[in-house]
Structures are given as structure tokens and as C-alpha cells.
PDB file of N, CA and C in Angstrom:
ATOM      1  N   MET A   1      91.022  95.030  94.000  1.00  0.00           N
ATOM      2  CA  MET A   1      89.856  95.952  93.616  1.00  0.00           C
ATOM      3  C   MET A   1      88.423  95.425  94.167  1.00  0.00           C
ATOM      4  N   PHE A   2      88.653  94.029  94.795  1.00  0.00           N
ATOM      5  CA  PHE A   2      87.253  93.613  95.877  1.00  0.00           C
ATOM      6  C   PHE A   2      87.280  94.586  96.973  1.00  0.00           C
ATOM      7  N   ALA A   3      88.586  94.765  97.676  1.00  0.00           N
ATOM      8  CA  ALA A   3      88.413  95.835  98.916  1.00  0.00           C
ATOM      9  C   ALA A   3      88.167  97.254  98.294  1.00  0.00           C
ATOM     10  N   GLU A   4      88.503  97.553  97.822  1.00  0.00           N
ATOM     11  CA  GLU A   4      88.013  98.721  97.065  1.00  0.00           C
ATOM     12  C   GLU A   4      86.643  98.957  97.194  1.00  0.00           C
ATOM     13  N   ARG A   5      86.039  97.731  96.246  1.00  0.00           N
ATOM     14  CA  ARG A   5      84.623  98.237  96.261  1.00  0.00           C
ATOM     15  C   ARG A   5      83.908  97.692  97.515  1.00  0.00           C
ATOM     16  N   ALA A   6      84.378  96.875  97.969  1.00  0.00           N
ATOM     17  CA  ALA A   6      83.466  96.529  99.044  1.00  0.00           C
ATOM     18  C   ALA A   6      83.599  97.901 100.033  1.00  0.00           C
ATOM     19  N   SER A   7      84.870  98.553 100.196  1.00  0.00           N
ATOM     20  CA  SER A   7      84.643 100.198 100.891  1.00  0.00           C
ATOM     21  C   SER A   7      83.777 101.107 100.498  1.00  0.00           C
ATOM     22  N   LYS A   8      83.431 100.880  99.710  1.00  0.00           N
ATOM     23  CA  LYS A   8      82.253 101.954  99.550  1.00  0.00           C
ATOM     24  C   LYS A   8      80.708 101.681  99.985  1.00  0.00           C
ATOM     25  N   PHE A   9      80.868 100.821 100.315  1.00  0.00           N
ATOM     26  CA  PHE A   9      79.419 100.450 101.188  1.00  0.00           C
ATOM     27  C   PHE A   9      79.763 100.884 103.034  1.00  0.00           C
ATOM     28  N   ARG A  10      78.478 101.124 103.004  1.00  0.00           N
ATOM     29  CA  ARG A  10      78.599 101.285 104.994  1.00  0.00           C
ATOM     30  C   ARG A  10      78.315 100.082 105.496  1.00  0.00           C
ATOM     31  N   SER A  11      78.128  99.368 105.065  1.00  0.00           N
ATOM     32  CA  SER A  11      77.723  97.644 105.402  1.00  0.00           C
ATOM     33  C   SER A  11      79.182  96.695 105.723  1.00  0.00           C
ATOM     34  N   ARG A  12      78.884  96.237 107.153  1.00  0.00           N
ATOM     35  CA  ARG A  12      80.102  95.557 107.171  1.00  0.00           C
ATOM     36  C   ARG A  12      80.393  94.381 106.175  1.00  0.00           C
ATOM     37  N   VAL A  13      81.366  94.153 105.776  1.00  0.00           N
ATOM     38  CA  VAL A  13      81.783  93.183 104.600  1.00  0.00           C
ATOM     39  C   VAL A  13      82.845  92.131 104.922  1.00  0.00           C
ATOM     40  N   THR A  14      82.192  90.372 104.961  1.00  0.00           N
ATOM     41  CA  THR A  14      83.179  89.739 105.908  1.00  0.00           C
ATOM     42  C   THR A  14      83.218  88.519 104.667  1.00  0.00           C
ATOM     43  N   VAL A  15      84.493  88.210 104.250  1.00  0.00           N
ATOM     44  CA  VAL A  15      84.740  87.121 103.434  1.00  0.00           C
ATOM     45  C   VAL A  15      85.227  86.046 104.080  1.00  0.00           C
ATOM     46  N   SER A  16      84.553  84.607 103.770  1.00  0.00           N
ATOM     47  CA  SER A  16      85.260  83.670 104.661  1.00  0.00           C
ATOM     48  C   SER A  16      85.590  82.325 103.842  1.00  0.00           C
ATOM     49  N   ASN A  17      86.314  81.585 104.069  1.00  0.00           N
ATOM     50  CA  ASN A  17      86.690  80.327 103.247  1.00  0.00           C
ATOM     51  C   ASN A  17      86.112  79.012 103.917  1.00  0.00           C
ATOM     52  N   GLY A  18      85.216  79.118 104.868  1.00  0.00           N
ATOM     53  CA  GLY A  18      85.046  78.098 106.136  1.00  0.00           C
ATOM     54  C   GLY A  18      85.772  77.797 106.994  1.00  0.00           C
ATOM     55  N   LYS A  19      87.070  78.123 106.888  1.00  0.00           N
ATOM     56  CA  LYS A  19      88.201  78.253 108.048  1.00  0.00           C
ATOM     57  C   LYS A  19      88.020  79.277 108.848  1.00  0.00           C
ATOM     58  N   GLN A  20      88.123  80.163 107.990  1.00  0.00           N
ATOM     59  CA  GLN A  20      88.737  81.844 108.512  1.00  0.00           C
ATOM     60  C   GLN A  20      87.744  82.858 107.716  1.00  0.00           C
ATOM     61  N   ALA A  21      87.358  83.614 108.905  1.00  0.00           N
ATOM     62  CA  ALA A  21      86.708  84.830 108.168  1.00  0.00           C
ATOM     63  C   ALA A  21      87.264  86.265 108.282  1.00  0.00           C
ATOM     64  N   VAL A  22      87.541  87.144 107.223  1.00  0.00           N
ATOM     65  CA  VAL A  22      88.195  88.560 107.536  1.00  0.00           C
ATOM     66  C   VAL A  22      87.385  89.383 107.043  1.00  0.00           C
ATOM     67  N   ASP A  23      87.987  90.715 107.316  1.00  0.00           N
ATOM     68  CA  ASP A  23      87.515  91.699 106.943  1.00  0.00           C
ATOM     69  C   ASP A  23      87.433  92.096 105.075  1.00  0.00           C
ATOM     70  N   GLY A  24      86.180  92.159 104.783  1.00  0.00           N
ATOM     71  CA  GLY A  24      86.581  92.241 102.954  1.00  0.00           C
ATOM     72  C   GLY A  24      86.808  93.739 102.343  1.00  0.00           C
ATOM     73  N   LYS A  25      86.664  94.641 103.908  1.00  0.00           N
ATOM     74  CA  LYS A  25      87.320  95.835 102.929  1.00  0.00           C
ATOM     75  C   LYS A  25      89.144  96.179 103.613  1.00  0.00           C
ATOM     76  N   SER A  26      89.642  95.234 103.927  1.00  0.00           N
ATOM     77  CA  SER A  26      90.930  95.039 104.352  1.00  0.00           C
ATOM     78  C   SER A  26      91.574  94.140 103.101  1.00  0.00           C
ATOM     79  N   VAL A  27      92.401  94.663 102.245  1.00  0.00           N
ATOM     80  CA  VAL A  27      93.193  94.259 101.246  1.00  0.00           C
ATOM     81  C   VAL A  27      94.279  93.022 102.094  1.00  0.00           C
ATOM     82  N   LEU A  28      94.932  93.445 103.191  1.00  0.00           N
ATOM     83  CA  LEU A  28      95.844  92.811 103.756  1.00  0.00           C
ATOM     84  C   LEU A  28      95.125  91.482 104.260  1.00  0.00           C
ATOM     85  N   SER A  29      93.820  91.924 104.952  1.00  0.00           N
ATOM     86  CA  SER A  29      93.291  90.426 105.194  1.00  0.00           C
ATOM     87  C   SER A  29      92.730  89.699 104.330  1.00  0.00           C
ATOM     88  N   LEU A  30      92.179  89.905 103.256  1.00  0.00           N
ATOM     89  CA  LEU A  30      91.850  89.683 102.155  1.00  0.00           C
ATOM     90  C   LEU A  30      93.300  88.498 101.620  1.00  0.00           C
ATOM     91  N   MET A  31      94.269  88.951 101.532  1.00  0.00           N
ATOM     92  CA  MET A  31      95.679  88.287 101.150  1.00  0.00           C
ATOM     93  C   MET A  31      96.075  87.377 102.219  1.00  0.00           C
ATOM     94  N   LEU A  32      95.741  87.334 103.544  1.00  0.00           N
ATOM     95  CA  LEU A  32      95.718  86.981 104.255  1.00  0.00           C
ATOM     96  C   LEU A  32      95.085  85.455 104.371  1.00  0.00           C
ATOM     97  N   LEU A  33      93.649  85.207 104.009  1.00  0.00           N
ATOM     98  CA  LEU A  33      93.062  84.839 103.494  1.00  0.00           C
ATOM     99  C   LEU A  33      93.350  83.220 102.789  1.00  0.00           C
ATOM    100  N   ALA A  34      94.006  84.016 101.845  1.00  0.00           N
ATOM    101  CA  ALA A  34      94.629  82.972 100.880  1.00  0.00           C
ATOM    102  C   ALA A  34      93.999  82.236 100.047  1.00  0.00           C
ATOM    103  N   VAL A  35      93.207  82.759  99.289  1.00  0.00           N
ATOM    104  CA  VAL A  35      92.004  82.112  98.530  1.00  0.00           C
ATOM    105  C   VAL A  35      92.671  81.726  97.302  1.00  0.00           C
ATOM    106  N   THR A  36      92.608  80.557  96.657  1.00  0.00           N
ATOM    107  CA  THR A  36      93.049  80.510  95.059  1.00  0.00           C
ATOM    108  C   THR A  36      92.086  80.225  94.229  1.00  0.00           C
ATOM    109  N   ALA A  37      92.106  80.007  92.889  1.00  0.00           N
ATOM    110  CA  ALA A  37      91.312  79.212  92.273  1.00  0.00           C
ATOM    111  C   ALA A  37      90.678  78.081  92.825  1.00  0.00           C
ATOM    112  N   GLY A  38      89.218  78.537  92.454  1.00  0.00           N
ATOM    113  CA  GLY A  38      88.697  77.133  92.698  1.00  0.00           C
ATOM    114  C   GLY A  38      88.090  76.837  94.148  1.00  0.00           C
ATOM    115  N   THR A  39      88.622  77.867  95.268  1.00  0.00           N
ATOM    116  CA  THR A  39      88.305  78.108  96.495  1.00  0.00           C
ATOM    117  C   THR A  39      86.973  78.389  96.760  1.00  0.00           C
ATOM    118  N   GLN A  40      85.757  78.085  97.636  1.00  0.00           N
ATOM    119  CA  GLN A  40      84.602  78.301  97.653  1.00  0.00           C
ATOM    120  C   GLN A  40      84.681  79.436  98.987  1.00  0.00           C
ATOM    121  N   ILE A  41      84.198  80.584  98.467  1.00  0.00           N
ATOM    122  CA  ILE A  41      83.953  81.442  99.804  1.00  0.00           C
ATOM    123  C   ILE A  41      82.494  82.140 100.078  1.00  0.00           C
ATOM    124  N   THR A  42      82.781  82.683 101.202  1.00  0.00           N
ATOM    125  CA  THR A  42      81.250  83.082 101.670  1.00  0.00           C
ATOM    126  C   THR A  42      81.212  84.504 101.892  1.00  0.00           C
ATOM    127  N   ILE A  43      80.699  85.346 100.861  1.00  0.00           N
ATOM    128  CA  ILE A  43      80.501  86.941 101.102  1.00  0.00           C
ATOM    129  C   ILE A  43      79.270  87.122 102.030  1.00  0.00           C
ATOM    130  N   THR A  44      79.263  87.562 103.382  1.00  0.00           N
ATOM    131  CA  THR A  44      78.441  88.498 103.966  1.00  0.00           C
ATOM    132  C   THR A  44      78.319  89.722 104.347  1.00  0.00           C
ATOM    133  N   ALA A  45      77.424  90.535 104.282  1.00  0.00           N
ATOM    134  CA  ALA A  45      77.325  91.844 104.444  1.00  0.00           C
ATOM    135  C   ALA A  45      76.326  92.277 105.850  1.00  0.00           C
ATOM    136  N   ASP A  46      76.380  93.323 106.228  1.00  0.00           N
ATOM    137  CA  ASP A  46      75.379  93.313 107.576  1.00  0.00           C
ATOM    138  C   ASP A  46      75.293  94.721 107.819  1.00  0.00           C
ATOM    139  N   GLY A  47      74.040  95.400 107.377  1.00  0.00           N
ATOM    140  CA  GLY A  47      74.151  96.843 107.580  1.00  0.00           C
ATOM    141  C   GLY A  47      73.157  97.720 106.441  1.00  0.00           C
ATOM    142  N   GLU A  48      73.133  98.809 106.814  1.00  0.00           N
ATOM    143  CA  GLU A  48      71.922  99.378 105.929  1.00  0.00           C
ATOM    144  C   GLU A  48      71.868  99.536 104.442  1.00  0.00           C
ATOM    145  N   ASP A  49      73.084  99.060 103.943  1.00  0.00           N
ATOM    146  CA  ASP A  49      73.378  98.763 102.169  1.00  0.00           C
ATOM    147  C   ASP A  49      73.581  97.276 101.784  1.00  0.00           C
ATOM    148  N   GLU A  50      73.350  96.359 102.929  1.00  0.00           N
ATOM    149  CA  GLU A  50      73.730  95.042 102.523  1.00  0.00           C
ATOM    150  C   GLU A  50      73.532  94.366 101.366  1.00  0.00           C
ATOM    151  N   ALA A  51      72.414  94.540 100.895  1.00  0.00           N
ATOM    152  CA  ALA A  51      71.504  93.693  99.440  1.00  0.00           C
ATOM    153  C   ALA A  51      72.397  94.425  98.558  1.00  0.00           C
ATOM    154  N   GLU A  52      72.692  95.564  98.632  1.00  0.00           N
ATOM    155  CA  GLU A  52      73.216  96.423  97.616  1.00  0.00           C
ATOM    156  C   GLU A  52      74.984  96.127  97.121  1.00  0.00           C
ATOM    157  N   ALA A  53      75.583  95.994  98.548  1.00  0.00           N
ATOM    158  CA  ALA A  53      76.782  95.647  98.490  1.00  0.00           C
ATOM    159  C   ALA A  53      77.050  94.234  98.128  1.00  0.00           C
ATOM    160  N   LEU A  54      76.142  93.335  98.650  1.00  0.00           N
ATOM    161  CA  LEU A  54      76.353  91.967  98.079  1.00  0.00           C
ATOM    162  C   LEU A  54      75.936  91.812  96.784  1.00  0.00           C
ATOM    163  N   ASP A  55      74.977  92.210  96.082  1.00  0.00           N
ATOM    164  CA  ASP A  55      74.748  92.384  94.595  1.00  0.00           C
ATOM    165  C   ASP A  55      76.356  92.646  94.056  1.00  0.00           C
ATOM    166  N   ALA A  56      76.591  94.062  94.152  1.00  0.00           N
ATOM    167  CA  ALA A  56      77.771  94.507  93.750  1.00  0.00           C
ATOM    168  C   ALA A  56      79.099  93.922  93.863  1.00  0.00           C
ATOM    169  N   LEU A  57      79.412  92.985  94.988  1.00  0.00           N
ATOM    170  CA  LEU A  57      80.945  92.348  95.154  1.00  0.00           C
ATOM    171  C   LEU A  57      80.394  90.941  94.142  1.00  0.00           C
ATOM    172  N   ALA A  58      78.940  90.082  94.383  1.00  0.00           N
ATOM    173  CA  ALA A  58      78.915  89.217  93.614  1.00  0.00           C
ATOM    174  C   ALA A  58      79.013  89.503  92.032  1.00  0.00           C
ATOM    175  N   GLY A  59      78.824  90.415  91.516  1.00  0.00           N
ATOM    176  CA  GLY A  59      78.902  91.127  90.338  1.00  0.00           C
ATOM    177  C   GLY A  59      80.278  90.910  89.995  1.00  0.00           C
ATOM    178  N   LEU A  60      80.860  91.564  90.668  1.00  0.00           N
ATOM    179  CA  LEU A  60      82.391  91.865  90.279  1.00  0.00           C
ATOM    180  C   LEU A  60      83.243  90.420  90.348  1.00  0.00           C
ATOM    181  N   LEU A  61      82.626  89.480  91.080  1.00  0.00           N
ATOM    182  CA  LEU A  61      83.561  88.274  90.991  1.00  0.00           C
ATOM    183  C   LEU A  61      83.030  87.536  89.975  1.00  0.00           C
ATOM    184  N   GLN A  62      81.985  87.586  89.329  1.00  0.00           N
ATOM    185  CA  GLN A  62      81.334  87.051  88.290  1.00  0.00           C
ATOM    186  C   GLN A  62      82.238  87.259  87.074  1.00  0.00           C
ATOM    187  N   ARG A  63      82.202  89.008  86.856  1.00  0.00           N
ATOM    188  CA  ARG A  63      82.743  89.620  85.953  1.00  0.00           C
ATOM    189  C   ARG A  63      84.311  88.891  85.719  1.00  0.00           C
ATOM    190  N   SER A  64      85.153  89.149  87.294  1.00  0.00           N
ATOM    191  CA  SER A  64      86.355  88.641  87.277  1.00  0.00           C
ATOM    192  C   SER A  64      86.611  87.344  86.745  1.00  0.00           C
ATOM    193  N   PHE A  65      85.716  86.393  86.588  1.00  0.00           N
ATOM    194  CA  PHE A  65      85.836  85.066  85.962  1.00  0.00           C
ATOM    195  C   PHE A  65      85.288  84.551  84.723  1.00  0.00           C
ATOM    196  N   GLY A  66      84.805  85.820  84.089  1.00  0.00           N
ATOM    197  CA  GLY A  66      84.452  85.607  82.839  1.00  0.00           C
ATOM    198  C   GLY A  66      82.733  85.068  83.084  1.00  0.00           C
ATOM    199  N   GLU A  67      82.149  85.248  83.843  1.00  0.00           N
ATOM    200  CA  GLU A  67      80.599  84.501  84.087  1.00  0.00           C
ATOM    201  C   GLU A  67      80.031  85.626  84.013  1.00  0.00           C
ATOM    202  N   ALA A  68      78.802  85.392  83.347  1.00  0.00           N
ATOM    203  CA  ALA A  68      77.583  86.163  82.878  1.00  0.00           C
ATOM    204  C   ALA A  68      76.890  86.265  84.578  1.00  0.00           C
ATOM    205  N   PRO A  69      76.473  87.170  85.081  1.00  0.00           N
ATOM    206  CA  PRO A  69      75.554  87.300  86.247  1.00  0.00           C
ATOM    207  C   PRO A  69      74.366  86.465  86.398  1.00  0.00           C
ATOM    208  N   GLY A  70      73.942  85.898  87.178  1.00  0.00           N
ATOM    209  CA  GLY A  70      73.156  84.697  87.243  1.00  0.00           C
ATOM    210  C   GLY A  70      71.808  85.259  88.023  1.00  0.00           C
TER     211      GLY A  70
END
């Protein structure tokens, strides 16, 4: 679901866990990152719609964990 949403943006999306960074538009790359509950990640976007991409992806993650967007 994350990769599908990220793919809708023109910006390059990267997800990292501090040790490794992967393409946020690739389901396989995200699986290889092996993020588990409680793991802190960083999402970056670079491109013409980067702010919109970050807002949408952060909102997706917040909703997935039952938190209200801040």
C-alpha cells in the first residue's frame, strides 16, 4: 500500500531505517528493509511534488497505526 501510494508522485521517495535506504516505490525494496513495529524510519522525497508526497505518505502511516495526523 505504501509503495502504491508513493508511486503516484513524480518525486523520488526514499525510506531509511538509519542503516539502509531503499526506494519507497518498490515493494520488494521495502520488504528487504525489514521494518518491524516500533522501528523508526525516515521518509524523504525529492522532486516537484515532494511536499505533497511527504504529507500523503505520513498521513497513510499515521492512519495505519491508528494515530490522528498531527
